């Protein structure tokens, strides 16, 4: 599981490019892993932490992963206002038909 989840996170970051990953001006990416989730990198990171906790069976790893999970779950809420300002109506339409993490994907605007 850690290998797959690490690949998911890396693929997501590679899909948006280094400029967008650094928060610099770039095009809105809605293809690849971003067609499934608005935050596929965070999904991959969360899965990676879960896998590490399961593999290590460590209470300390579970505590660290829980803190990390809180960060990765809350981060999109802080990022979304900036994304709406950066990409405007295109992001609002994207947000309406793509789940924040995982879930049912709408066919709106596809």
PDB file of N, CA and C in Angstrom:
ATOM      1  N   UNK A   1       0.812  -1.205   0.000  1.00  0.00           N
ATOM      2  CA  UNK A   1       0.000   0.000   0.000  1.00  0.00           C
ATOM      3  C   UNK A   1       0.855   1.269   0.000  1.00  0.00           C
ATOM      4  N   UNK A   2       1.953   1.356   0.780  1.00  0.00           N
ATOM      5  CA  UNK A   2       2.753   2.572   0.743  1.00  0.00           C
ATOM      6  C   UNK A   2       3.311   2.893  -0.647  1.00  0.00           C
ATOM      7  N   UNK A   3       3.680   1.861  -1.409  1.00  0.00           N
ATOM      8  CA  UNK A   3       4.220   2.122  -2.741  1.00  0.00           C
ATOM      9  C   UNK A   3       3.160   2.758  -3.641  1.00  0.00           C
ATOM     10  N   UNK A   4       1.950   2.211  -3.608  1.00  0.00           N
ATOM     11  CA  UNK A   4       0.869   2.721  -4.443  1.00  0.00           C
ATOM     12  C   UNK A   4       0.483   4.134  -4.014  1.00  0.00           C
ATOM     13  N   UNK A   5       0.342   4.357  -2.727  1.00  0.00           N
ATOM     14  CA  UNK A   5      -0.065   5.673  -2.249  1.00  0.00           C
ATOM     15  C   UNK A   5       1.027   6.711  -2.504  1.00  0.00           C
ATOM     16  N   UNK A   6       2.285   6.333  -2.393  1.00  0.00           N
ATOM     17  CA  UNK A   6       3.377   7.238  -2.729  1.00  0.00           C
ATOM     18  C   UNK A   6       3.363   7.592  -4.201  1.00  0.00           C
ATOM     19  N   UNK A   7       3.041   6.606  -5.042  1.00  0.00           N
ATOM     20  CA  UNK A   7       2.939   6.853  -6.471  1.00  0.00           C
ATOM     21  C   UNK A   7       1.786   7.813  -6.770  1.00  0.00           C
ATOM     22  N   UNK A   8       0.655   7.635  -6.090  1.00  0.00           N
ATOM     23  CA  UNK A   8      -0.504   8.516  -6.295  1.00  0.00           C
ATOM     24  C   UNK A   8      -0.123   9.960  -5.980  1.00  0.00           C
ATOM     25  N   UNK A   9       0.509  10.170  -4.835  1.00  0.00           N
ATOM     26  CA  UNK A   9       0.892  11.528  -4.443  1.00  0.00           C
ATOM     27  C   UNK A   9       1.893  12.123  -5.433  1.00  0.00           C
ATOM     28  N   UNK A  10       2.872  11.346  -5.845  1.00  0.00           N
ATOM     29  CA  UNK A  10       3.876  11.828  -6.799  1.00  0.00           C
ATOM     30  C   UNK A  10       3.256  12.124  -8.158  1.00  0.00           C
ATOM     31  N   UNK A  11       2.378  11.254  -8.619  1.00  0.00           N
ATOM     32  CA  UNK A  11       1.707  11.449  -9.903  1.00  0.00           C
ATOM     33  C   UNK A  11       0.874  12.725  -9.877  1.00  0.00           C
ATOM     34  N   UNK A  12       0.192  12.963  -8.760  1.00  0.00           N
ATOM     35  CA  UNK A  12      -0.634  14.167  -8.637  1.00  0.00           C
ATOM     36  C   UNK A  12       0.231  15.421  -8.714  1.00  0.00           C
ATOM     37  N   UNK A  13       1.328  15.437  -7.979  1.00  0.00           N
ATOM     38  CA  UNK A  13       2.199  16.610  -8.000  1.00  0.00           C
ATOM     39  C   UNK A  13       2.831  16.805  -9.378  1.00  0.00           C
ATOM     40  N   UNK A  14       3.201  15.719 -10.022  1.00  0.00           N
ATOM     41  CA  UNK A  14       3.758  15.812 -11.365  1.00  0.00           C
ATOM     42  C   UNK A  14       2.744  16.281 -12.387  1.00  0.00           C
ATOM     43  N   UNK A  15       1.486  15.954 -12.176  1.00  0.00           N
ATOM     44  CA  UNK A  15       0.431  16.325 -13.114  1.00  0.00           C
ATOM     45  C   UNK A  15       0.162  17.826 -13.144  1.00  0.00           C
ATOM     46  N   UNK A  16       0.323  18.487 -12.003  1.00  0.00           N
ATOM     47  CA  UNK A  16       0.062  19.927 -11.999  1.00  0.00           C
ATOM     48  C   UNK A  16       1.312  20.733 -12.337  1.00  0.00           C
ATOM     49  N   UNK A  17       2.467  20.117 -12.276  1.00  0.00           N
ATOM     50  CA  UNK A  17       3.697  20.824 -12.592  1.00  0.00           C
ATOM     51  C   UNK A  17       4.262  21.559 -11.395  1.00  0.00           C
ATOM     52  N   UNK A  18       5.523  21.913 -11.496  1.00  0.00           N
ATOM     53  CA  UNK A  18       6.200  22.504 -10.338  1.00  0.00           C
ATOM     54  C   UNK A  18       5.691  23.905 -10.006  1.00  0.00           C
ATOM     55  N   UNK A  19       5.290  24.696 -11.012  1.00  0.00           N
ATOM     56  CA  UNK A  19       4.806  26.046 -10.734  1.00  0.00           C
ATOM     57  C   UNK A  19       3.541  26.013  -9.867  1.00  0.00           C
ATOM     58  N   UNK A  20       2.573  25.188 -10.274  1.00  0.00           N
ATOM     59  CA  UNK A  20       1.324  25.091  -9.508  1.00  0.00           C
ATOM     60  C   UNK A  20       1.576  24.462  -8.144  1.00  0.00           C
ATOM     61  N   UNK A  21       2.469  23.470  -8.083  1.00  0.00           N
ATOM     62  CA  UNK A  21       2.762  22.817  -6.804  1.00  0.00           C
ATOM     63  C   UNK A  21       3.372  23.807  -5.808  1.00  0.00           C
ATOM     64  N   UNK A  22       4.059  24.823  -6.324  1.00  0.00           N
ATOM     65  CA  UNK A  22       4.651  25.843  -5.462  1.00  0.00           C
ATOM     66  C   UNK A  22       3.716  27.023  -5.206  1.00  0.00           C
ATOM     67  N   UNK A  23       2.512  26.990  -5.796  1.00  0.00           N
ATOM     68  CA  UNK A  23       1.549  28.063  -5.603  1.00  0.00           C
ATOM     69  C   UNK A  23       1.785  29.248  -6.517  1.00  0.00           C
ATOM     70  N   UNK A  24       2.576  29.052  -7.576  1.00  0.00           N
ATOM     71  CA  UNK A  24       2.831  30.121  -8.538  1.00  0.00           C
ATOM     72  C   UNK A  24       1.767  30.089  -9.632  1.00  0.00           C
ATOM     73  N   UNK A  25       1.716  31.132 -10.426  1.00  0.00           N
ATOM     74  CA  UNK A  25       0.723  31.219 -11.488  1.00  0.00           C
ATOM     75  C   UNK A  25       0.900  30.070 -12.477  1.00  0.00           C
ATOM     76  N   UNK A  26      -0.187  29.365 -12.731  1.00  0.00           N
ATOM     77  CA  UNK A  26      -0.183  28.222 -13.648  1.00  0.00           C
ATOM     78  C   UNK A  26      -1.616  27.981 -14.104  1.00  0.00           C
ATOM     79  N   UNK A  27      -1.773  27.109 -15.085  1.00  0.00           N
ATOM     80  CA  UNK A  27      -3.106  26.769 -15.564  1.00  0.00           C
ATOM     81  C   UNK A  27      -3.801  25.826 -14.584  1.00  0.00           C
ATOM     82  N   UNK A  28      -5.130  25.909 -14.557  1.00  0.00           N
ATOM     83  CA  UNK A  28      -5.927  24.996 -13.742  1.00  0.00           C
ATOM     84  C   UNK A  28      -5.893  23.612 -14.382  1.00  0.00           C
ATOM     85  N   UNK A  29      -5.492  22.620 -13.623  1.00  0.00           N
ATOM     86  CA  UNK A  29      -5.411  21.248 -14.118  1.00  0.00           C
ATOM     87  C   UNK A  29      -6.627  20.482 -13.616  1.00  0.00           C
ATOM     88  N   UNK A  30      -7.367  19.881 -14.554  1.00  0.00           N
ATOM     89  CA  UNK A  30      -8.559  19.116 -14.198  1.00  0.00           C
ATOM     90  C   UNK A  30      -8.514  17.712 -14.787  1.00  0.00           C
ATOM     91  N   UNK A  31      -7.413  17.332 -15.369  1.00  0.00           N
ATOM     92  CA  UNK A  31      -7.257  16.020 -16.001  1.00  0.00           C
ATOM     93  C   UNK A  31      -6.400  15.110 -15.126  1.00  0.00           C
ATOM     94  N   UNK A  32      -6.231  13.877 -15.571  1.00  0.00           N
ATOM     95  CA  UNK A  32      -5.417  12.905 -14.834  1.00  0.00           C
ATOM     96  C   UNK A  32      -6.022  12.640 -13.474  1.00  0.00           C
ATOM     97  N   UNK A  33      -5.214  12.642 -12.423  1.00  0.00           N
ATOM     98  CA  UNK A  33      -5.757  12.361 -11.088  1.00  0.00           C
ATOM     99  C   UNK A  33      -6.718  13.445 -10.612  1.00  0.00           C
ATOM    100  N   UNK A  34      -6.609  14.647 -11.184  1.00  0.00           N
ATOM    101  CA  UNK A  34      -7.494  15.742 -10.797  1.00  0.00           C
ATOM    102  C   UNK A  34      -8.890  15.603 -11.397  1.00  0.00           C
ATOM    103  N   UNK A  35      -9.084  14.645 -12.263  1.00  0.00           N
ATOM    104  CA  UNK A  35     -10.417  14.341 -12.779  1.00  0.00           C
ATOM    105  C   UNK A  35     -11.201  13.494 -11.781  1.00  0.00           C
ATOM    106  N   UNK A  36     -10.502  12.923 -10.813  1.00  0.00           N
ATOM    107  CA  UNK A  36     -11.125  12.052  -9.805  1.00  0.00           C
ATOM    108  C   UNK A  36     -11.276  12.767  -8.464  1.00  0.00           C
ATOM    109  N   UNK A  37     -10.303  13.603  -8.132  1.00  0.00           N
ATOM    110  CA  UNK A  37     -10.278  14.282  -6.845  1.00  0.00           C
ATOM    111  C   UNK A  37      -9.662  15.668  -7.017  1.00  0.00           C
ATOM    112  N   UNK A  38     -10.160  16.649  -6.260  1.00  0.00           N
ATOM    113  CA  UNK A  38      -9.543  17.976  -6.308  1.00  0.00           C
ATOM    114  C   UNK A  38      -8.214  17.982  -5.570  1.00  0.00           C
ATOM    115  N   UNK A  39      -7.961  16.978  -4.756  1.00  0.00           N
ATOM    116  CA  UNK A  39      -6.741  16.919  -3.947  1.00  0.00           C
ATOM    117  C   UNK A  39      -6.115  15.526  -3.963  1.00  0.00           C
ATOM    118  N   UNK A  40      -5.765  15.011  -5.136  1.00  0.00           N
ATOM    119  CA  UNK A  40      -5.229  13.642  -5.184  1.00  0.00           C
ATOM    120  C   UNK A  40      -3.890  13.486  -4.474  1.00  0.00           C
ATOM    121  N   UNK A  41      -3.112  14.538  -4.402  1.00  0.00           N
ATOM    122  CA  UNK A  41      -1.845  14.457  -3.670  1.00  0.00           C
ATOM    123  C   UNK A  41      -2.082  14.218  -2.194  1.00  0.00           C
ATOM    124  N   UNK A  42      -3.066  14.924  -1.636  1.00  0.00           N
ATOM    125  CA  UNK A  42      -3.397  14.733  -0.228  1.00  0.00           C
ATOM    126  C   UNK A  42      -3.978  13.340   0.009  1.00  0.00           C
ATOM    127  N   UNK A  43      -4.789  12.861  -0.927  1.00  0.00           N
ATOM    128  CA  UNK A  43      -5.331  11.503  -0.808  1.00  0.00           C
ATOM    129  C   UNK A  43      -4.187  10.494  -0.758  1.00  0.00           C
ATOM    130  N   UNK A  44      -3.227  10.640  -1.668  1.00  0.00           N
ATOM    131  CA  UNK A  44      -2.071   9.738  -1.672  1.00  0.00           C
ATOM    132  C   UNK A  44      -1.278   9.817  -0.382  1.00  0.00           C
ATOM    133  N   UNK A  45      -1.067  11.037   0.124  1.00  0.00           N
ATOM    134  CA  UNK A  45      -0.330  11.209   1.379  1.00  0.00           C
ATOM    135  C   UNK A  45      -1.074  10.584   2.555  1.00  0.00           C
ATOM    136  N   UNK A  46      -2.398  10.752   2.595  1.00  0.00           N
ATOM    137  CA  UNK A  46      -3.183  10.146   3.671  1.00  0.00           C
ATOM    138  C   UNK A  46      -3.107   8.623   3.624  1.00  0.00           C
ATOM    139  N   UNK A  47      -3.209   8.058   2.431  1.00  0.00           N
ATOM    140  CA  UNK A  47      -3.089   6.602   2.287  1.00  0.00           C
ATOM    141  C   UNK A  47      -1.696   6.123   2.675  1.00  0.00           C
ATOM    142  N   UNK A  48      -0.685   6.894   2.330  1.00  0.00           N
ATOM    143  CA  UNK A  48       0.689   6.555   2.686  1.00  0.00           C
ATOM    144  C   UNK A  48       0.854   6.502   4.205  1.00  0.00           C
ATOM    145  N   UNK A  49       0.291   7.483   4.891  1.00  0.00           N
ATOM    146  CA  UNK A  49       0.395   7.498   6.354  1.00  0.00           C
ATOM    147  C   UNK A  49      -0.354   6.325   6.977  1.00  0.00           C
ATOM    148  N   UNK A  50      -1.522   6.016   6.457  1.00  0.00           N
ATOM    149  CA  UNK A  50      -2.278   4.867   6.971  1.00  0.00           C
ATOM    150  C   UNK A  50      -1.486   3.582   6.768  1.00  0.00           C
ATOM    151  N   UNK A  51      -0.935   3.414   5.577  1.00  0.00           N
ATOM    152  CA  UNK A  51      -0.134   2.222   5.293  1.00  0.00           C
ATOM    153  C   UNK A  51       1.077   2.104   6.204  1.00  0.00           C
ATOM    154  N   UNK A  52       1.740   3.224   6.459  1.00  0.00           N
ATOM    155  CA  UNK A  52       2.918   3.204   7.332  1.00  0.00           C
ATOM    156  C   UNK A  52       2.535   2.806   8.754  1.00  0.00           C
ATOM    157  N   UNK A  53       1.416   3.344   9.248  1.00  0.00           N
ATOM    158  CA  UNK A  53       0.963   3.002  10.599  1.00  0.00           C
ATOM    159  C   UNK A  53       0.631   1.515  10.687  1.00  0.00           C
ATOM    160  N   UNK A  54      -0.052   0.986   9.679  1.00  0.00           N
ATOM    161  CA  UNK A  54      -0.411  -0.438   9.673  1.00  0.00           C
ATOM    162  C   UNK A  54       0.850  -1.302   9.634  1.00  0.00           C
ATOM    163  N   UNK A  55       1.791  -0.929   8.773  1.00  0.00           N
ATOM    164  CA  UNK A  55       3.016  -1.729   8.647  1.00  0.00           C
ATOM    165  C   UNK A  55       3.886  -1.690   9.893  1.00  0.00           C
ATOM    166  N   UNK A  56       3.976  -0.545  10.540  1.00  0.00           N
ATOM    167  CA  UNK A  56       4.849  -0.429  11.707  1.00  0.00           C
ATOM    168  C   UNK A  56       4.171  -0.856  12.998  1.00  0.00           C
ATOM    169  N   UNK A  57       2.843  -0.817  13.032  1.00  0.00           N
ATOM    170  CA  UNK A  57       2.092  -1.146  14.246  1.00  0.00           C
ATOM    171  C   UNK A  57       2.652  -0.363  15.437  1.00  0.00           C
ATOM    172  N   UNK A  58       2.875   0.918  15.202  1.00  0.00           N
ATOM    173  CA  UNK A  58       3.505   1.775  16.196  1.00  0.00           C
ATOM    174  C   UNK A  58       2.539   2.854  16.668  1.00  0.00           C
ATOM    175  N   UNK A  59       2.445   3.000  17.983  1.00  0.00           N
ATOM    176  CA  UNK A  59       1.591   4.055  18.532  1.00  0.00           C
ATOM    177  C   UNK A  59       2.149   5.434  18.184  1.00  0.00           C
ATOM    178  N   UNK A  60       3.464   5.571  18.234  1.00  0.00           N
ATOM    179  CA  UNK A  60       4.076   6.851  17.901  1.00  0.00           C
ATOM    180  C   UNK A  60       3.790   7.211  16.440  1.00  0.00           C
ATOM    181  N   UNK A  61       3.921   6.244  15.549  1.00  0.00           N
ATOM    182  CA  UNK A  61       3.612   6.496  14.139  1.00  0.00           C
ATOM    183  C   UNK A  61       2.141   6.875  13.976  1.00  0.00           C
ATOM    184  N   UNK A  62       1.267   6.270  14.744  1.00  0.00           N
ATOM    185  CA  UNK A  62      -0.160   6.586  14.674  1.00  0.00           C
ATOM    186  C   UNK A  62      -0.426   8.017  15.135  1.00  0.00           C
ATOM    187  N   UNK A  63       0.266   8.459  16.158  1.00  0.00           N
ATOM    188  CA  UNK A  63       0.098   9.828  16.654  1.00  0.00           C
ATOM    189  C   UNK A  63       0.586  10.831  15.612  1.00  0.00           C
ATOM    190  N   UNK A  64       1.772  10.571  15.066  1.00  0.00           N
ATOM    191  CA  UNK A  64       2.328  11.462  14.049  1.00  0.00           C
ATOM    192  C   UNK A  64       1.418  11.481  12.812  1.00  0.00           C
ATOM    193  N   UNK A  65       0.920  10.314  12.417  1.00  0.00           N
ATOM    194  CA  UNK A  65       0.031  10.223  11.250  1.00  0.00           C
ATOM    195  C   UNK A  65      -1.280  10.958  11.510  1.00  0.00           C
ATOM    196  N   UNK A  66      -1.785  10.894  12.726  1.00  0.00           N
ATOM    197  CA  UNK A  66      -3.030  11.587  13.052  1.00  0.00           C
ATOM    198  C   UNK A  66      -2.851  13.099  12.920  1.00  0.00           C
ATOM    199  N   UNK A  67      -1.725  13.608  13.383  1.00  0.00           N
ATOM    200  CA  UNK A  67      -1.447  15.045  13.243  1.00  0.00           C
ATOM    201  C   UNK A  67      -1.313  15.396  11.758  1.00  0.00           C
ATOM    202  N   UNK A  68      -0.585  14.562  11.018  1.00  0.00           N
ATOM    203  CA  UNK A  68      -0.450  14.788   9.581  1.00  0.00           C
ATOM    204  C   UNK A  68      -1.787  14.719   8.864  1.00  0.00           C
ATOM    205  N   UNK A  69      -2.622  13.787   9.258  1.00  0.00           N
ATOM    206  CA  UNK A  69      -3.939  13.640   8.630  1.00  0.00           C
ATOM    207  C   UNK A  69      -4.782  14.885   8.861  1.00  0.00           C
ATOM    208  N   UNK A  70      -4.733  15.426  10.054  1.00  0.00           N
ATOM    209  CA  UNK A  70      -5.475  16.656  10.338  1.00  0.00           C
ATOM    210  C   UNK A  70      -4.996  17.771   9.408  1.00  0.00           C
ATOM    211  N   UNK A  71      -3.689  17.870   9.231  1.00  0.00           N
ATOM    212  CA  UNK A  71      -3.120  18.882   8.334  1.00  0.00           C
ATOM    213  C   UNK A  71      -3.637  18.692   6.906  1.00  0.00           C
ATOM    214  N   UNK A  72      -3.553  17.464   6.390  1.00  0.00           N
ATOM    215  CA  UNK A  72      -3.944  17.206   5.005  1.00  0.00           C
ATOM    216  C   UNK A  72      -5.452  17.327   4.783  1.00  0.00           C
ATOM    217  N   UNK A  73      -6.232  17.117   5.819  1.00  0.00           N
ATOM    218  CA  UNK A  73      -7.681  17.266   5.698  1.00  0.00           C
ATOM    219  C   UNK A  73      -8.084  18.741   5.754  1.00  0.00           C
ATOM    220  N   UNK A  74      -7.386  19.532   6.568  1.00  0.00           N
ATOM    221  CA  UNK A  74      -7.731  20.949   6.705  1.00  0.00           C
ATOM    222  C   UNK A  74      -7.118  21.842   5.619  1.00  0.00           C
ATOM    223  N   UNK A  75      -5.988  21.449   5.064  1.00  0.00           N
ATOM    224  CA  UNK A  75      -5.284  22.280   4.078  1.00  0.00           C
ATOM    225  C   UNK A  75      -6.167  22.711   2.900  1.00  0.00           C
ATOM    226  N   UNK A  76      -6.962  21.824   2.302  1.00  0.00           N
ATOM    227  CA  UNK A  76      -7.793  22.270   1.175  1.00  0.00           C
ATOM    228  C   UNK A  76      -8.764  23.394   1.530  1.00  0.00           C
ATOM    229  N   UNK A  77      -9.250  23.418   2.765  1.00  0.00           N
ATOM    230  CA  UNK A  77     -10.170  24.479   3.176  1.00  0.00           C
ATOM    231  C   UNK A  77      -9.463  25.843   3.166  1.00  0.00           C
ATOM    232  N   UNK A  78      -8.174  25.857   3.472  1.00  0.00           N
ATOM    233  CA  UNK A  78      -7.399  27.091   3.426  1.00  0.00           C
ATOM    234  C   UNK A  78      -7.008  27.449   1.997  1.00  0.00           C
ATOM    235  N   UNK A  79      -6.805  26.451   1.151  1.00  0.00           N
ATOM    236  CA  UNK A  79      -6.357  26.687  -0.227  1.00  0.00           C
ATOM    237  C   UNK A  79      -7.488  27.098  -1.170  1.00  0.00           C
ATOM    238  N   UNK A  80      -8.688  26.626  -0.928  1.00  0.00           N
ATOM    239  CA  UNK A  80      -9.783  26.843  -1.879  1.00  0.00           C
ATOM    240  C   UNK A  80     -10.124  28.311  -2.123  1.00  0.00           C
ATOM    241  N   UNK A  81     -10.138  29.185  -1.108  1.00  0.00           N
ATOM    242  CA  UNK A  81     -10.400  30.602  -1.412  1.00  0.00           C
ATOM    243  C   UNK A  81      -9.346  31.192  -2.367  1.00  0.00           C
ATOM    244  N   UNK A  82      -8.095  30.829  -2.175  1.00  0.00           N
ATOM    245  CA  UNK A  82      -7.037  31.298  -3.067  1.00  0.00           C
ATOM    246  C   UNK A  82      -7.243  30.760  -4.481  1.00  0.00           C
ATOM    247  N   UNK A  83      -7.609  29.477  -4.585  1.00  0.00           N
ATOM    248  CA  UNK A  83      -7.848  28.877  -5.902  1.00  0.00           C
ATOM    249  C   UNK A  83      -9.021  29.549  -6.608  1.00  0.00           C
ATOM    250  N   UNK A  84     -10.056  29.902  -5.870  1.00  0.00           N
ATOM    251  CA  UNK A  84     -11.188  30.606  -6.471  1.00  0.00           C
ATOM    252  C   UNK A  84     -10.764  31.987  -6.972  1.00  0.00           C
ATOM    253  N   UNK A  85      -9.919  32.669  -6.210  1.00  0.00           N
ATOM    254  CA  UNK A  85      -9.410  33.967  -6.649  1.00  0.00           C
ATOM    255  C   UNK A  85      -8.508  33.795  -7.873  1.00  0.00           C
ATOM    256  N   UNK A  86      -7.655  32.791  -7.842  1.00  0.00           N
ATOM    257  CA  UNK A  86      -6.687  32.555  -8.923  1.00  0.00           C
ATOM    258  C   UNK A  86      -7.367  32.147 -10.238  1.00  0.00           C
ATOM    259  N   UNK A  87      -8.338  31.223 -10.157  1.00  0.00           N
ATOM    260  CA  UNK A  87      -8.914  30.632 -11.368  1.00  0.00           C
ATOM    261  C   UNK A  87     -10.368  31.027 -11.629  1.00  0.00           C
ATOM    262  N   UNK A  88     -10.986  31.722 -10.690  1.00  0.00           N
ATOM    263  CA  UNK A  88     -12.328  32.262 -10.885  1.00  0.00           C
ATOM    264  C   UNK A  88     -13.400  31.221 -11.160  1.00  0.00           C
ATOM    265  N   UNK A  89     -14.227  31.533 -12.142  1.00  0.00           N
ATOM    266  CA  UNK A  89     -15.392  30.703 -12.468  1.00  0.00           C
ATOM    267  C   UNK A  89     -14.995  29.288 -12.895  1.00  0.00           C
ATOM    268  N   UNK A  90     -13.862  29.150 -13.558  1.00  0.00           N
ATOM    269  CA  UNK A  90     -13.410  27.816 -13.989  1.00  0.00           C
ATOM    270  C   UNK A  90     -13.212  26.904 -12.780  1.00  0.00           C
ATOM    271  N   UNK A  91     -12.631  27.441 -11.704  1.00  0.00           N
ATOM    272  CA  UNK A  91     -12.434  26.624 -10.504  1.00  0.00           C
ATOM    273  C   UNK A  91     -13.766  26.340  -9.814  1.00  0.00           C
ATOM    274  N   UNK A  92     -14.651  27.322  -9.776  1.00  0.00           N
ATOM    275  CA  UNK A  92     -15.948  27.105  -9.132  1.00  0.00           C
ATOM    276  C   UNK A  92     -16.728  25.995  -9.852  1.00  0.00           C
ATOM    277  N   UNK A  93     -16.691  25.978 -11.183  1.00  0.00           N
ATOM    278  CA  UNK A  93     -17.350  24.895 -11.935  1.00  0.00           C
ATOM    279  C   UNK A  93     -16.682  23.559 -11.647  1.00  0.00           C
ATOM    280  N   UNK A  94     -15.364  23.541 -11.629  1.00  0.00           N
ATOM    281  CA  UNK A  94     -14.607  22.320 -11.326  1.00  0.00           C
ATOM    282  C   UNK A  94     -14.960  21.806  -9.930  1.00  0.00           C
ATOM    283  N   UNK A  95     -15.027  22.725  -8.978  1.00  0.00           N
ATOM    284  CA  UNK A  95     -15.329  22.373  -7.587  1.00  0.00           C
ATOM    285  C   UNK A  95     -16.722  21.761  -7.449  1.00  0.00           C
ATOM    286  N   UNK A  96     -17.665  22.237  -8.249  1.00  0.00           N
ATOM    287  CA  UNK A  96     -19.037  21.734  -8.170  1.00  0.00           C
ATOM    288  C   UNK A  96     -19.154  20.278  -8.597  1.00  0.00           C
ATOM    289  N   UNK A  97     -18.309  19.822  -9.507  1.00  0.00           N
ATOM    290  CA  UNK A  97     -18.490  18.474 -10.047  1.00  0.00           C
ATOM    291  C   UNK A  97     -17.349  17.512  -9.722  1.00  0.00           C
ATOM    292  N   UNK A  98     -16.424  17.914  -8.845  1.00  0.00           N
ATOM    293  CA  UNK A  98     -15.334  17.023  -8.437  1.00  0.00           C
ATOM    294  C   UNK A  98     -15.219  17.030  -6.917  1.00  0.00           C
ATOM    295  N   UNK A  99     -15.143  15.874  -6.301  1.00  0.00           N
ATOM    296  CA  UNK A  99     -15.078  15.810  -4.838  1.00  0.00           C
ATOM    297  C   UNK A  99     -13.760  16.353  -4.300  1.00  0.00           C
ATOM    298  N   UNK A 100     -13.804  16.866  -3.085  1.00  0.00           N
ATOM    299  CA  UNK A 100     -12.598  17.407  -2.446  1.00  0.00           C
ATOM    300  C   UNK A 100     -11.545  16.305  -2.285  1.00  0.00           C
ATOM    301  N   UNK A 101     -11.959  15.152  -1.843  1.00  0.00           N
ATOM    302  CA  UNK A 101     -11.021  14.035  -1.677  1.00  0.00           C
ATOM    303  C   UNK A 101     -11.442  12.892  -2.590  1.00  0.00           C
ATOM    304  N   UNK A 102     -12.315  12.054  -2.129  1.00  0.00           N
ATOM    305  CA  UNK A 102     -12.843  10.958  -2.946  1.00  0.00           C
ATOM    306  C   UNK A 102     -14.344  10.915  -2.766  1.00  0.00           C
ATOM    307  N   UNK A 103     -15.022  10.421  -3.751  1.00  0.00           N
ATOM    308  CA  UNK A 103     -16.471  10.332  -3.666  1.00  0.00           C
ATOM    309  C   UNK A 103     -17.055  10.203  -5.049  1.00  0.00           C
ATOM    310  N   UNK A 104     -18.309  10.513  -5.139  1.00  0.00           N
ATOM    311  CA  UNK A 104     -19.014  10.415  -6.412  1.00  0.00           C
ATOM    312  C   UNK A 104     -18.595  11.591  -7.291  1.00  0.00           C
ATOM    313  N   UNK A 105     -18.220  11.273  -8.522  1.00  0.00           N
ATOM    314  CA  UNK A 105     -17.834  12.297  -9.483  1.00  0.00           C
ATOM    315  C   UNK A 105     -19.040  12.620 -10.345  1.00  0.00           C
ATOM    316  N   UNK A 106     -19.357  13.884 -10.450  1.00  0.00           N
ATOM    317  CA  UNK A 106     -20.509  14.337 -11.239  1.00  0.00           C
ATOM    318  C   UNK A 106     -20.141  14.392 -12.713  1.00  0.00           C
ATOM    319  N   UNK A 107     -21.114  14.223 -13.571  1.00  0.00           N
ATOM    320  CA  UNK A 107     -20.898  14.321 -15.005  1.00  0.00           C
ATOM    321  C   UNK A 107     -21.111  15.744 -15.515  1.00  0.00           C
ATOM    322  N   UNK A 108     -21.356  16.692 -14.617  1.00  0.00           N
ATOM    323  CA  UNK A 108     -21.564  18.072 -15.014  1.00  0.00           C
ATOM    324  C   UNK A 108     -20.294  18.599 -15.663  1.00  0.00           C
ATOM    325  N   UNK A 109     -20.440  19.291 -16.771  1.00  0.00           N
ATOM    326  CA  UNK A 109     -19.318  19.915 -17.484  1.00  0.00           C
ATOM    327  C   UNK A 109     -18.273  18.921 -17.987  1.00  0.00           C
ATOM    328  N   UNK A 110     -18.642  17.720 -18.258  1.00  0.00           N
ATOM    329  CA  UNK A 110     -17.676  16.760 -18.787  1.00  0.00           C
ATOM    330  C   UNK A 110     -17.906  16.565 -20.241  1.00  0.00           C
TER     331      UNK A 110
END
